[in-house]
PDB file of all heavy atoms in Angstrom:
ATOM      1  N   ASP A   1      -4.419   2.014  17.863  1.00  0.00           N
ATOM      2  CA  ASP A   1      -3.839   3.319  18.200  1.00  0.00           C
ATOM      3  C   ASP A   1      -2.829   3.758  17.154  1.00  0.00           C
ATOM      4  O   ASP A   1      -2.725   4.950  16.829  1.00  0.00           O
ATOM      5  CB  ASP A   1      -3.165   3.268  19.576  1.00  0.00           C
ATOM      6  CG  ASP A   1      -4.186   3.146  20.694  1.00  0.00           C
ATOM      7  OD1 ASP A   1      -5.341   3.582  20.489  1.00  0.00           O
ATOM      8  OD2 ASP A   1      -3.843   2.612  21.762  1.00  0.00           O
ATOM      9  N   ILE A   2      -2.070   2.803  16.607  1.00  0.00           N
ATOM     10  CA  ILE A   2      -1.078   3.143  15.576  1.00  0.00           C
ATOM     11  C   ILE A   2      -1.770   3.658  14.329  1.00  0.00           C
ATOM     12  O   ILE A   2      -1.342   4.645  13.723  1.00  0.00           O
ATOM     13  CB  ILE A   2      -0.195   1.916  15.259  1.00  0.00           C
ATOM     14  CG1 ILE A   2       0.695   1.616  16.463  1.00  0.00           C
ATOM     15  CG2 ILE A   2       0.646   2.141  14.007  1.00  0.00           C
ATOM     16  CD1 ILE A   2       1.460   0.332  16.381  1.00  0.00           C
ATOM     17  N   ILE A   3      -2.866   3.017  13.946  1.00  0.00           N
ATOM     18  CA  ILE A   3      -3.616   3.475  12.773  1.00  0.00           C
ATOM     19  C   ILE A   3      -4.144   4.885  13.020  1.00  0.00           C
ATOM     20  O   ILE A   3      -4.083   5.748  12.148  1.00  0.00           O
ATOM     21  CB  ILE A   3      -4.758   2.496  12.434  1.00  0.00           C
ATOM     22  CG1 ILE A   3      -4.165   1.199  11.872  1.00  0.00           C
ATOM     23  CG2 ILE A   3      -5.733   3.107  11.432  1.00  0.00           C
ATOM     24  CD1 ILE A   3      -5.158   0.095  11.633  1.00  0.00           C
ATOM     25  N   ARG A   4      -4.640   5.132  14.224  1.00  0.00           N
ATOM     26  CA  ARG A   4      -5.133   6.485  14.552  1.00  0.00           C
ATOM     27  C   ARG A   4      -4.020   7.523  14.403  1.00  0.00           C
ATOM     28  O   ARG A   4      -4.267   8.643  13.975  1.00  0.00           O
ATOM     29  CB  ARG A   4      -5.682   6.526  15.969  1.00  0.00           C
ATOM     30  CG  ARG A   4      -7.040   5.885  16.121  1.00  0.00           C
ATOM     31  CD  ARG A   4      -7.653   6.266  17.454  1.00  0.00           C
ATOM     32  NE  ARG A   4      -8.830   5.482  17.750  1.00  0.00           N
ATOM     33  CZ  ARG A   4     -10.038   5.714  17.250  1.00  0.00           C
ATOM     34  NH1 ARG A   4     -10.197   6.709  16.414  1.00  0.00           N
ATOM     35  NH2 ARG A   4     -11.060   4.953  17.567  1.00  0.00           N
ATOM     36  N   GLU A   5      -2.791   7.147  14.777  1.00  0.00           N
ATOM     37  CA  GLU A   5      -1.659   8.074  14.700  1.00  0.00           C
ATOM     38  C   GLU A   5      -1.179   8.271  13.266  1.00  0.00           C
ATOM     39  O   GLU A   5      -0.803   9.376  12.877  1.00  0.00           O
ATOM     40  CB  GLU A   5      -0.489   7.552  15.547  1.00  0.00           C
ATOM     41  CG  GLU A   5      -0.752   7.576  17.038  1.00  0.00           C
ATOM     42  CD  GLU A   5       0.287   6.778  17.814  1.00  0.00           C
ATOM     43  OE1 GLU A   5       1.288   6.349  17.212  1.00  0.00           O
ATOM     44  OE2 GLU A   5       0.086   6.577  19.031  1.00  0.00           O
ATOM     45  N   GLN A   6      -1.172   7.201  12.471  1.00  0.00           N
ATOM     46  CA  GLN A   6      -0.586   7.252  11.133  1.00  0.00           C
ATOM     47  C   GLN A   6      -1.550   7.719  10.049  1.00  0.00           C
ATOM     48  O   GLN A   6      -1.124   8.154   8.990  1.00  0.00           O
ATOM     49  CB  GLN A   6      -0.025   5.879  10.746  1.00  0.00           C
ATOM     50  CG  GLN A   6       1.178   5.463  11.562  1.00  0.00           C
ATOM     51  CD  GLN A   6       1.764   4.144  11.076  1.00  0.00           C
ATOM     52  OE1 GLN A   6       1.245   3.504  10.170  1.00  0.00           O
ATOM     53  NE2 GLN A   6       2.857   3.733  11.689  1.00  0.00           N
ATOM     54  N   VAL A   7      -2.833   7.582  10.287  1.00  0.00           N
ATOM     55  CA  VAL A   7      -3.824   7.884   9.254  1.00  0.00           C
ATOM     56  C   VAL A   7      -4.557   9.168   9.624  1.00  0.00           C
ATOM     57  O   VAL A   7      -5.068   9.292  10.731  1.00  0.00           O
ATOM     58  CB  VAL A   7      -4.827   6.704   9.121  1.00  0.00           C
ATOM     59  CG1 VAL A   7      -5.900   7.025   8.089  1.00  0.00           C
ATOM     60  CG2 VAL A   7      -4.086   5.431   8.731  1.00  0.00           C
ATOM     61  N   SER A   8      -4.576  10.122   8.694  1.00  0.00           N
ATOM     62  CA  SER A   8      -5.243  11.400   8.965  1.00  0.00           C
ATOM     63  C   SER A   8      -6.751  11.201   9.082  1.00  0.00           C
ATOM     64  O   SER A   8      -7.315  10.220   8.592  1.00  0.00           O
ATOM     65  CB  SER A   8      -4.943  12.390   7.836  1.00  0.00           C
ATOM     66  OG  SER A   8      -5.654  12.013   6.659  1.00  0.00           O
ATOM     67  N   GLY A   9      -7.389  12.156   9.729  1.00  0.00           N
ATOM     68  CA  GLY A   9      -8.841  12.093   9.870  1.00  0.00           C
ATOM     69  C   GLY A   9      -9.534  12.032   8.519  1.00  0.00           C
ATOM     70  O   GLY A   9     -10.523  11.318   8.343  1.00  0.00           O
ATOM     71  N   GLU A  10      -9.015  12.781   7.555  1.00  0.00           N
ATOM     72  CA  GLU A  10      -9.602  12.793   6.208  1.00  0.00           C
ATOM     73  C   GLU A  10      -9.469  11.426   5.545  1.00  0.00           C
ATOM     74  O   GLU A  10     -10.418  10.922   4.927  1.00  0.00           O
ATOM     75  CB  GLU A  10      -8.890  13.855   5.360  1.00  0.00           C
ATOM     76  CG  GLU A  10      -9.439  13.998   3.961  1.00  0.00           C
ATOM     77  CD  GLU A  10      -8.656  15.014   3.142  1.00  0.00           C
ATOM     78  OE1 GLU A  10      -8.105  15.969   3.731  1.00  0.00           O
ATOM     79  OE2 GLU A  10      -8.595  14.835   1.916  1.00  0.00           O
ATOM     80  N   GLU A  11      -8.288  10.805   5.691  1.00  0.00           N
ATOM     81  CA  GLU A  11      -8.073   9.477   5.104  1.00  0.00           C
ATOM     82  C   GLU A  11      -8.992   8.445   5.747  1.00  0.00           C
ATOM     83  O   GLU A  11      -9.566   7.596   5.062  1.00  0.00           O
ATOM     84  CB  GLU A  11      -6.622   9.034   5.290  1.00  0.00           C
ATOM     85  CG  GLU A  11      -5.627   9.752   4.420  1.00  0.00           C
ATOM     86  CD  GLU A  11      -4.202   9.331   4.764  1.00  0.00           C
ATOM     87  OE1 GLU A  11      -3.815   9.453   5.946  1.00  0.00           O
ATOM     88  OE2 GLU A  11      -3.495   8.872   3.858  1.00  0.00           O
ATOM     89  N   TRP A  12      -9.121   8.527   7.078  1.00  0.00           N
ATOM     90  CA  TRP A  12      -9.958   7.539   7.752  1.00  0.00           C
ATOM     91  C   TRP A  12     -11.422   7.742   7.406  1.00  0.00           C
ATOM     92  O   TRP A  12     -12.186   6.789   7.257  1.00  0.00           O
ATOM     93  CB  TRP A  12      -9.745   7.573   9.270  1.00  0.00           C
ATOM     94  CG  TRP A  12     -10.512   6.456   9.884  1.00  0.00           C
ATOM     95  CD1 TRP A  12     -11.609   6.540  10.675  1.00  0.00           C
ATOM     96  CD2 TRP A  12     -10.279   5.044   9.697  1.00  0.00           C
ATOM     97  NE1 TRP A  12     -12.065   5.281  11.001  1.00  0.00           N
ATOM     98  CE2 TRP A  12     -11.272   4.353  10.412  1.00  0.00           C
ATOM     99  CE3 TRP A  12      -9.317   4.327   9.000  1.00  0.00           C
ATOM    100  CZ2 TRP A  12     -11.334   2.965  10.449  1.00  0.00           C
ATOM    101  CZ3 TRP A  12      -9.378   2.935   9.024  1.00  0.00           C
ATOM    102  CH2 TRP A  12     -10.377   2.272   9.741  1.00  0.00           C
ATOM    103  N   GLU A  13     -11.868   8.999   7.240  1.00  0.00           N
ATOM    104  CA  GLU A  13     -13.251   9.252   6.840  1.00  0.00           C
ATOM    105  C   GLU A  13     -13.504   8.670   5.449  1.00  0.00           C
ATOM    106  O   GLU A  13     -14.565   8.086   5.194  1.00  0.00           O
ATOM    107  CB  GLU A  13     -13.541  10.758   6.846  1.00  0.00           C
ATOM    108  CG  GLU A  13     -14.926  11.139   6.339  1.00  0.00           C
ATOM    109  CD  GLU A  13     -16.070  10.465   7.081  1.00  0.00           C
ATOM    110  OE1 GLU A  13     -15.913  10.066   8.248  1.00  0.00           O
ATOM    111  OE2 GLU A  13     -17.151  10.325   6.466  1.00  0.00           O
ATOM    112  N   ARG A  14     -12.530   8.802   4.554  1.00  0.00           N
ATOM    113  CA  ARG A  14     -12.665   8.208   3.218  1.00  0.00           C
ATOM    114  C   ARG A  14     -12.763   6.682   3.323  1.00  0.00           C
ATOM    115  O   ARG A  14     -13.566   6.051   2.636  1.00  0.00           O
ATOM    116  CB  ARG A  14     -11.476   8.631   2.343  1.00  0.00           C
ATOM    117  CG  ARG A  14     -11.665   8.344   0.892  1.00  0.00           C
ATOM    118  CD  ARG A  14     -10.712   9.102  -0.006  1.00  0.00           C
ATOM    119  NE  ARG A  14      -9.331   9.091   0.402  1.00  0.00           N
ATOM    120  CZ  ARG A  14      -8.670  10.152   0.861  1.00  0.00           C
ATOM    121  NH1 ARG A  14      -9.262  11.322   0.975  1.00  0.00           N
ATOM    122  NH2 ARG A  14      -7.401  10.059   1.201  1.00  0.00           N
ATOM    123  N   GLU A  15     -11.966   6.099   4.217  1.00  0.00           N
ATOM    124  CA  GLU A  15     -12.017   4.648   4.416  1.00  0.00           C
ATOM    125  C   GLU A  15     -13.367   4.231   4.986  1.00  0.00           C
ATOM    126  O   GLU A  15     -13.947   3.223   4.584  1.00  0.00           O
ATOM    127  CB  GLU A  15     -10.883   4.207   5.340  1.00  0.00           C
ATOM    128  CG  GLU A  15     -10.932   2.760   5.765  1.00  0.00           C
ATOM    129  CD  GLU A  15     -10.871   1.750   4.618  1.00  0.00           C
ATOM    130  OE1 GLU A  15     -10.569   2.129   3.468  1.00  0.00           O
ATOM    131  OE2 GLU A  15     -11.141   0.566   4.878  1.00  0.00           O
ATOM    132  N   ARG A  16     -13.888   5.017   5.910  1.00  0.00           N
ATOM    133  CA  ARG A  16     -15.199   4.711   6.488  1.00  0.00           C
ATOM    134  C   ARG A  16     -16.285   4.771   5.415  1.00  0.00           C
ATOM    135  O   ARG A  16     -17.155   3.898   5.346  1.00  0.00           O
ATOM    136  CB  ARG A  16     -15.518   5.698   7.616  1.00  0.00           C
ATOM    137  CG  ARG A  16     -16.661   5.270   8.511  1.00  0.00           C
ATOM    138  CD  ARG A  16     -16.894   6.283   9.618  1.00  0.00           C
ATOM    139  NE  ARG A  16     -17.454   7.505   9.094  1.00  0.00           N
ATOM    140  CZ  ARG A  16     -18.753   7.656   8.798  1.00  0.00           C
ATOM    141  NH1 ARG A  16     -19.590   6.667   8.979  1.00  0.00           N
ATOM    142  NH2 ARG A  16     -19.204   8.799   8.328  1.00  0.00           N
ATOM    143  N   GLN A  17     -16.202   5.779   4.546  1.00  0.00           N
ATOM    144  CA  GLN A  17     -17.169   5.892   3.449  1.00  0.00           C
ATOM    145  C   GLN A  17     -17.055   4.702   2.493  1.00  0.00           C
ATOM    146  O   GLN A  17     -18.058   4.195   1.991  1.00  0.00           O
ATOM    147  CB  GLN A  17     -16.955   7.207   2.676  1.00  0.00           C
ATOM    148  CG  GLN A  17     -17.319   8.455   3.449  1.00  0.00           C
ATOM    149  CD  GLN A  17     -18.800   8.531   3.776  1.00  0.00           C
ATOM    150  OE1 GLN A  17     -19.644   8.058   3.021  1.00  0.00           O
ATOM    151  NE2 GLN A  17     -19.125   9.123   4.919  1.00  0.00           N
ATOM    152  N   ARG A  18     -15.824   4.252   2.273  1.00  0.00           N
ATOM    153  CA  ARG A  18     -15.605   3.081   1.409  1.00  0.00           C
ATOM    154  C   ARG A  18     -16.267   1.846   2.016  1.00  0.00           C
ATOM    155  O   ARG A  18     -16.961   1.089   1.332  1.00  0.00           O
ATOM    156  CB  ARG A  18     -14.103   2.837   1.222  1.00  0.00           C
ATOM    157  CG  ARG A  18     -13.777   1.695   0.255  1.00  0.00           C
ATOM    158  CD  ARG A  18     -12.296   1.345   0.299  1.00  0.00           C
ATOM    159  NE  ARG A  18     -11.947   0.616   1.502  1.00  0.00           N
ATOM    160  CZ  ARG A  18     -12.144  -0.695   1.668  1.00  0.00           C
ATOM    161  NH1 ARG A  18     -12.672  -1.429   0.720  1.00  0.00           N
ATOM    162  NH2 ARG A  18     -11.813  -1.284   2.804  1.00  0.00           N
ATOM    163  N   GLN A  19     -16.078   1.659   3.312  1.00  0.00           N
ATOM    164  CA  GLN A  19     -16.663   0.507   3.989  1.00  0.00           C
ATOM    165  C   GLN A  19     -18.191   0.557   3.948  1.00  0.00           C
ATOM    166  O   GLN A  19     -18.850  -0.461   3.711  1.00  0.00           O
ATOM    167  CB  GLN A  19     -16.175   0.446   5.440  1.00  0.00           C
ATOM    168  CG  GLN A  19     -14.712   0.115   5.572  1.00  0.00           C
ATOM    169  CD  GLN A  19     -14.187   0.338   6.977  1.00  0.00           C
ATOM    170  OE1 GLN A  19     -14.938   0.689   7.888  1.00  0.00           O
ATOM    171  NE2 GLN A  19     -12.902   0.154   7.164  1.00  0.00           N
ATOM    172  N   LEU A  20     -18.752   1.751   4.183  1.00  0.00           N
ATOM    173  CA  LEU A  20     -20.203   1.892   4.136  1.00  0.00           C
ATOM    174  C   LEU A  20     -20.734   1.522   2.755  1.00  0.00           C
ATOM    175  O   LEU A  20     -21.742   0.826   2.624  1.00  0.00           O
ATOM    176  CB  LEU A  20     -20.616   3.327   4.488  1.00  0.00           C
ATOM    177  CG  LEU A  20     -20.422   3.761   5.940  1.00  0.00           C
ATOM    178  CD1 LEU A  20     -20.718   5.242   6.092  1.00  0.00           C
ATOM    179  CD2 LEU A  20     -21.318   2.949   6.864  1.00  0.00           C
ATOM    180  N   LEU A  21     -20.047   1.993   1.717  1.00  0.00           N
ATOM    181  CA  LEU A  21     -20.462   1.698   0.348  1.00  0.00           C
ATOM    182  C   LEU A  21     -20.413   0.198   0.077  1.00  0.00           C
ATOM    183  O   LEU A  21     -21.339  -0.376  -0.507  1.00  0.00           O
ATOM    184  CB  LEU A  21     -19.558   2.452  -0.637  1.00  0.00           C
ATOM    185  CG  LEU A  21     -19.882   2.294  -2.121  1.00  0.00           C
ATOM    186  CD1 LEU A  21     -21.268   2.849  -2.445  1.00  0.00           C
ATOM    187  CD2 LEU A  21     -18.822   3.000  -2.962  1.00  0.00           C
ATOM    188  N   VAL A  22     -19.341  -0.446   0.521  1.00  0.00           N
ATOM    189  CA  VAL A  22     -19.176  -1.887   0.301  1.00  0.00           C
ATOM    190  C   VAL A  22     -20.341  -2.664   0.895  1.00  0.00           C
ATOM    191  O   VAL A  22     -20.904  -3.559   0.257  1.00  0.00           O
ATOM    192  CB  VAL A  22     -17.836  -2.387   0.900  1.00  0.00           C
ATOM    193  CG1 VAL A  22     -17.833  -3.891   1.047  1.00  0.00           C
ATOM    194  CG2 VAL A  22     -16.667  -1.945   0.036  1.00  0.00           C
ATOM    195  N   PHE A  23     -20.737  -2.321   2.105  1.00  0.00           N
ATOM    196  CA  PHE A  23     -21.764  -3.104   2.782  1.00  0.00           C
ATOM    197  C   PHE A  23     -23.186  -2.701   2.410  1.00  0.00           C
ATOM    198  O   PHE A  23     -24.120  -3.441   2.681  1.00  0.00           O
ATOM    199  CB  PHE A  23     -21.558  -3.056   4.297  1.00  0.00           C
ATOM    200  CG  PHE A  23     -20.371  -3.850   4.737  1.00  0.00           C
ATOM    201  CD1 PHE A  23     -19.239  -3.224   5.231  1.00  0.00           C
ATOM    202  CD2 PHE A  23     -20.353  -5.229   4.615  1.00  0.00           C
ATOM    203  CE1 PHE A  23     -18.124  -3.961   5.623  1.00  0.00           C
ATOM    204  CE2 PHE A  23     -19.248  -5.969   5.001  1.00  0.00           C
ATOM    205  CZ  PHE A  23     -18.138  -5.334   5.500  1.00  0.00           C
ATOM    206  N   ARG A  24     -23.345  -1.553   1.756  1.00  0.00           N
ATOM    207  CA  ARG A  24     -24.688  -1.117   1.369  1.00  0.00           C
ATOM    208  C   ARG A  24     -25.041  -1.480  -0.063  1.00  0.00           C
ATOM    209  O   ARG A  24     -26.223  -1.539  -0.403  1.00  0.00           O
ATOM    210  CB  ARG A  24     -24.824   0.386   1.582  1.00  0.00           C
ATOM    211  CG  ARG A  24     -24.888   0.729   3.064  1.00  0.00           C
ATOM    212  CD  ARG A  24     -25.037   2.186   3.293  1.00  0.00           C
ATOM    213  NE  ARG A  24     -25.196   2.435   4.724  1.00  0.00           N
ATOM    214  CZ  ARG A  24     -25.105   3.631   5.279  1.00  0.00           C
ATOM    215  NH1 ARG A  24     -24.873   4.680   4.532  1.00  0.00           N
ATOM    216  NH2 ARG A  24     -25.259   3.777   6.570  1.00  0.00           N
ATOM    217  N   GLU A  25     -24.040  -1.672  -0.914  1.00  0.00           N
ATOM    218  CA  GLU A  25     -24.300  -2.037  -2.312  1.00  0.00           C
ATOM    219  C   GLU A  25     -24.305  -3.557  -2.438  1.00  0.00           C
ATOM    220  O   GLU A  25     -23.268  -4.195  -2.223  1.00  0.00           O
ATOM    221  CB  GLU A  25     -23.207  -1.456  -3.222  1.00  0.00           C
ATOM    222  CG  GLU A  25     -23.321   0.028  -3.464  1.00  0.00           C
ATOM    223  CD  GLU A  25     -24.468   0.374  -4.404  1.00  0.00           C
ATOM    224  OE1 GLU A  25     -24.877  -0.479  -5.212  1.00  0.00           O
ATOM    225  OE2 GLU A  25     -24.947   1.511  -4.324  1.00  0.00           O
ATOM    226  N   PRO A  26     -25.428  -4.162  -2.804  1.00  0.00           N
ATOM    227  CA  PRO A  26     -25.488  -5.633  -2.888  1.00  0.00           C
ATOM    228  C   PRO A  26     -24.401  -6.234  -3.775  1.00  0.00           C
ATOM    229  O   PRO A  26     -23.803  -7.258  -3.422  1.00  0.00           O
ATOM    230  CB  PRO A  26     -26.885  -5.890  -3.461  1.00  0.00           C
ATOM    231  CG  PRO A  26     -27.685  -4.682  -3.081  1.00  0.00           C
ATOM    232  CD  PRO A  26     -26.706  -3.537  -3.090  1.00  0.00           C
ATOM    233  N   GLU A  27     -24.118  -5.587  -4.899  1.00  0.00           N
ATOM    234  CA  GLU A  27     -23.092  -6.089  -5.828  1.00  0.00           C
ATOM    235  C   GLU A  27     -21.714  -6.137  -5.164  1.00  0.00           C
ATOM    236  O   GLU A  27     -20.945  -7.081  -5.340  1.00  0.00           O
ATOM    237  CB  GLU A  27     -23.063  -5.166  -7.049  1.00  0.00           C
ATOM    238  CG  GLU A  27     -22.123  -5.573  -8.145  1.00  0.00           C
ATOM    239  CD  GLU A  27     -22.152  -4.576  -9.300  1.00  0.00           C
ATOM    240  OE1 GLU A  27     -23.126  -3.814  -9.443  1.00  0.00           O
ATOM    241  OE2 GLU A  27     -21.176  -4.563 -10.061  1.00  0.00           O
ATOM    242  N   LEU A  28     -21.422  -5.108  -4.381  1.00  0.00           N
ATOM    243  CA  LEU A  28     -20.118  -5.037  -3.713  1.00  0.00           C
ATOM    244  C   LEU A  28     -20.082  -5.920  -2.480  1.00  0.00           C
ATOM    245  O   LEU A  28     -19.055  -6.503  -2.152  1.00  0.00           O
ATOM    246  CB  LEU A  28     -19.817  -3.587  -3.319  1.00  0.00           C
ATOM    247  CG  LEU A  28     -19.659  -2.612  -4.474  1.00  0.00           C
ATOM    248  CD1 LEU A  28     -19.609  -1.181  -3.959  1.00  0.00           C
ATOM    249  CD2 LEU A  28     -18.410  -2.930  -5.279  1.00  0.00           C
ATOM    250  N   ARG A  29     -21.205  -6.018  -1.816  1.00  0.00           N
ATOM    251  CA  ARG A  29     -21.266  -6.797  -0.580  1.00  0.00           C
ATOM    252  C   ARG A  29     -20.935  -8.263  -0.847  1.00  0.00           C
ATOM    253  O   ARG A  29     -20.230  -8.903  -0.070  1.00  0.00           O
ATOM    254  CB  ARG A  29     -22.658  -6.666   0.027  1.00  0.00           C
ATOM    255  CG  ARG A  29     -22.748  -7.135   1.447  1.00  0.00           C
ATOM    256  CD  ARG A  29     -24.052  -6.669   2.031  1.00  0.00           C
ATOM    257  NE  ARG A  29     -24.297  -7.293   3.313  1.00  0.00           N
ATOM    258  CZ  ARG A  29     -25.254  -6.913   4.133  1.00  0.00           C
ATOM    259  NH1 ARG A  29     -26.042  -5.917   3.821  1.00  0.00           N
ATOM    260  NH2 ARG A  29     -25.415  -7.521   5.276  1.00  0.00           N
ATOM    261  N   SER A  30     -21.434  -8.805  -1.951  1.00  0.00           N
ATOM    262  CA  SER A  30     -21.117 -10.201  -2.268  1.00  0.00           C
ATOM    263  C   SER A  30     -19.653 -10.344  -2.662  1.00  0.00           C
ATOM    264  O   SER A  30     -18.997 -11.315  -2.308  1.00  0.00           O
ATOM    265  CB  SER A  30     -22.026 -10.721  -3.381  1.00  0.00           C
ATOM    266  OG  SER A  30     -21.863  -9.960  -4.559  1.00  0.00           O
ATOM    267  N   ALA A  31     -19.119  -9.339  -3.366  1.00  0.00           N
ATOM    268  CA  ALA A  31     -17.718  -9.413  -3.786  1.00  0.00           C
ATOM    269  C   ALA A  31     -16.770  -9.326  -2.595  1.00  0.00           C
ATOM    270  O   ALA A  31     -15.712  -9.958  -2.581  1.00  0.00           O
ATOM    271  CB  ALA A  31     -17.405  -8.294  -4.782  1.00  0.00           C
ATOM    272  N   VAL A  32     -17.141  -8.563  -1.564  1.00  0.00           N
ATOM    273  CA  VAL A  32     -16.246  -8.389  -0.428  1.00  0.00           C
ATOM    274  C   VAL A  32     -16.123  -9.668   0.388  1.00  0.00           C
ATOM    275  O   VAL A  32     -15.145  -9.866   1.118  1.00  0.00           O
ATOM    276  CB  VAL A  32     -16.693  -7.199   0.456  1.00  0.00           C
ATOM    277  CG1 VAL A  32     -17.797  -7.599   1.425  1.00  0.00           C
ATOM    278  CG2 VAL A  32     -15.507  -6.622   1.232  1.00  0.00           C
ATOM    279  N   MET A  33     -17.076 -10.556   0.254  1.00  0.00           N
ATOM    280  CA  MET A  33     -16.980 -11.828   0.975  1.00  0.00           C
ATOM    281  C   MET A  33     -15.749 -12.616   0.514  1.00  0.00           C
ATOM    282  O   MET A  33     -15.110 -13.290   1.308  1.00  0.00           O
ATOM    283  CB  MET A  33     -18.251 -12.653   0.788  1.00  0.00           C
ATOM    284  CG  MET A  33     -19.472 -12.026   1.421  1.00  0.00           C
ATOM    285  SD  MET A  33     -19.228 -11.609   3.163  1.00  0.00           S
ATOM    286  CE  MET A  33     -20.454 -10.341   3.415  1.00  0.00           C
ATOM    287  N   ASP A  34     -15.415 -12.495  -0.768  1.00  0.00           N
ATOM    288  CA  ASP A  34     -14.190 -13.143  -1.258  1.00  0.00           C
ATOM    289  C   ASP A  34     -12.961 -12.522  -0.594  1.00  0.00           C
ATOM    290  O   ASP A  34     -11.988 -13.210  -0.305  1.00  0.00           O
ATOM    291  CB  ASP A  34     -14.078 -12.999  -2.780  1.00  0.00           C
ATOM    292  CG  ASP A  34     -15.133 -13.811  -3.516  1.00  0.00           C
ATOM    293  OD1 ASP A  34     -15.621 -14.804  -2.929  1.00  0.00           O
ATOM    294  OD2 ASP A  34     -15.462 -13.454  -4.654  1.00  0.00           O
ATOM    295  N   GLN A  35     -13.031 -11.216  -0.352  1.00  0.00           N
ATOM    296  CA  GLN A  35     -11.899 -10.560   0.305  1.00  0.00           C
ATOM    297  C   GLN A  35     -11.742 -11.019   1.751  1.00  0.00           C
ATOM    298  O   GLN A  35     -10.630 -11.099   2.255  1.00  0.00           O
ATOM    299  CB  GLN A  35     -12.082  -9.040   0.267  1.00  0.00           C
ATOM    300  CG  GLN A  35     -11.671  -8.430  -1.053  1.00  0.00           C
ATOM    301  CD  GLN A  35     -11.527  -6.937  -0.926  1.00  0.00           C
ATOM    302  OE1 GLN A  35     -12.371  -6.270  -0.339  1.00  0.00           O
ATOM    303  NE2 GLN A  35     -10.463  -6.409  -1.475  1.00  0.00           N
ATOM    304  N   PHE A  36     -12.843 -11.292   2.403  1.00  0.00           N
ATOM    305  CA  PHE A  36     -12.731 -11.794   3.770  1.00  0.00           C
ATOM    306  C   PHE A  36     -12.033 -13.151   3.787  1.00  0.00           C
ATOM    307  O   PHE A  36     -11.279 -13.454   4.706  1.00  0.00           O
ATOM    308  CB  PHE A  36     -14.102 -11.864   4.443  1.00  0.00           C
ATOM    309  CG  PHE A  36     -14.560 -10.550   5.003  1.00  0.00           C
ATOM    310  CD1 PHE A  36     -15.702  -9.937   4.539  1.00  0.00           C
ATOM    311  CD2 PHE A  36     -13.836  -9.925   6.004  1.00  0.00           C
ATOM    312  CE1 PHE A  36     -16.120  -8.719   5.058  1.00  0.00           C
ATOM    313  CE2 PHE A  36     -14.238  -8.710   6.530  1.00  0.00           C
ATOM    314  CZ  PHE A  36     -15.381  -8.099   6.054  1.00  0.00           C
ATOM    315  N   ALA A  37     -12.274 -13.952   2.752  1.00  0.00           N
ATOM    316  CA  ALA A  37     -11.566 -15.235   2.656  1.00  0.00           C
ATOM    317  C   ALA A  37     -10.067 -14.994   2.493  1.00  0.00           C
ATOM    318  O   ALA A  37      -9.238 -15.679   3.100  1.00  0.00           O
ATOM    319  CB  ALA A  37     -12.110 -16.047   1.482  1.00  0.00           C
ATOM    320  N   GLU A  38      -9.708 -13.985   1.683  1.00  0.00           N
ATOM    321  CA  GLU A  38      -8.295 -13.636   1.543  1.00  0.00           C
ATOM    322  C   GLU A  38      -7.729 -13.117   2.865  1.00  0.00           C
ATOM    323  O   GLU A  38      -6.557 -13.312   3.179  1.00  0.00           O
ATOM    324  CB  GLU A  38      -8.120 -12.564   0.458  1.00  0.00           C
ATOM    325  CG  GLU A  38      -8.437 -13.050  -0.946  1.00  0.00           C
ATOM    326  CD  GLU A  38      -8.493 -11.914  -1.955  1.00  0.00           C
ATOM    327  OE1 GLU A  38      -8.045 -10.794  -1.624  1.00  0.00           O
ATOM    328  OE2 GLU A  38      -8.981 -12.158  -3.072  1.00  0.00           O
ATOM    329  N   GLY A  39      -8.581 -12.464   3.648  1.00  0.00           N
ATOM    330  CA  GLY A  39      -8.157 -11.950   4.944  1.00  0.00           C
ATOM    331  C   GLY A  39      -7.736 -13.054   5.891  1.00  0.00           C
ATOM    332  O   GLY A  39      -6.840 -12.863   6.725  1.00  0.00           O
ATOM    333  N   ILE A  40      -8.361 -14.212   5.763  1.00  0.00           N
ATOM    334  CA  ILE A  40      -7.955 -15.354   6.593  1.00  0.00           C
ATOM    335  C   ILE A  40      -6.506 -15.720   6.282  1.00  0.00           C
ATOM    336  O   ILE A  40      -5.703 -15.942   7.197  1.00  0.00           O
ATOM    337  CB  ILE A  40      -8.903 -16.556   6.366  1.00  0.00           C
ATOM    338  CG1 ILE A  40     -10.294 -16.234   6.926  1.00  0.00           C
ATOM    339  CG2 ILE A  40      -8.337 -17.827   7.026  1.00  0.00           C
ATOM    340  CD1 ILE A  40     -11.345 -17.292   6.642  1.00  0.00           C
ATOM    341  N   ASP A  41      -6.162 -15.754   4.998  1.00  0.00           N
ATOM    342  CA  ASP A  41      -4.774 -16.055   4.615  1.00  0.00           C
ATOM    343  C   ASP A  41      -3.814 -14.999   5.165  1.00  0.00           C
ATOM    344  O   ASP A  41      -2.739 -15.320   5.672  1.00  0.00           O
ATOM    345  CB  ASP A  41      -4.643 -16.126   3.085  1.00  0.00           C
ATOM    346  CG  ASP A  41      -5.390 -17.309   2.490  1.00  0.00           C
ATOM    347  OD1 ASP A  41      -5.596 -18.301   3.209  1.00  0.00           O
ATOM    348  OD2 ASP A  41      -5.750 -17.233   1.305  1.00  0.00           O
ATOM    349  N   LEU A  42      -4.212 -13.735   5.042  1.00  0.00           N
ATOM    350  CA  LEU A  42      -3.366 -12.625   5.495  1.00  0.00           C
ATOM    351  C   LEU A  42      -3.117 -12.713   7.001  1.00  0.00           C
ATOM    352  O   LEU A  42      -1.973 -12.629   7.475  1.00  0.00           O
ATOM    353  CB  LEU A  42      -4.061 -11.312   5.139  1.00  0.00           C
ATOM    354  CG  LEU A  42      -3.258 -10.025   5.200  1.00  0.00           C
ATOM    355  CD1 LEU A  42      -2.179 -10.015   4.130  1.00  0.00           C
ATOM    356  CD2 LEU A  42      -4.193  -8.828   5.001  1.00  0.00           C
ATOM    357  N   LEU A  43      -4.185 -12.916   7.775  1.00  0.00           N
ATOM    358  CA  LEU A  43      -4.051 -12.993   9.226  1.00  0.00           C
ATOM    359  C   LEU A  43      -3.349 -14.270   9.677  1.00  0.00           C
ATOM    360  O   LEU A  43      -2.587 -14.253  10.646  1.00  0.00           O
ATOM    361  CB  LEU A  43      -5.426 -12.900   9.883  1.00  0.00           C
ATOM    362  CG  LEU A  43      -6.048 -11.497   9.875  1.00  0.00           C
ATOM    363  CD1 LEU A  43      -7.508 -11.564  10.259  1.00  0.00           C
ATOM    364  CD2 LEU A  43      -5.291 -10.566  10.814  1.00  0.00           C
ATOM    365  N   ALA A  44      -3.587 -15.361   8.968  1.00  0.00           N
ATOM    366  CA  ALA A  44      -2.890 -16.606   9.309  1.00  0.00           C
ATOM    367  C   ALA A  44      -1.394 -16.436   9.113  1.00  0.00           C
ATOM    368  O   ALA A  44      -0.587 -16.920   9.928  1.00  0.00           O
ATOM    369  CB  ALA A  44      -3.420 -17.763   8.459  1.00  0.00           C
TER     370      ALA A  44
END
């Protein structure tokens, strides 16, 4: 809910487009797996 309040619809649409691109491009999809590993550190 906080993200919905703080992030404009335009910004979130851009983020959604970024996510779609990441998961649809094979080159980017493999690279993002490294980021998920970093996400474990961030969340921990």
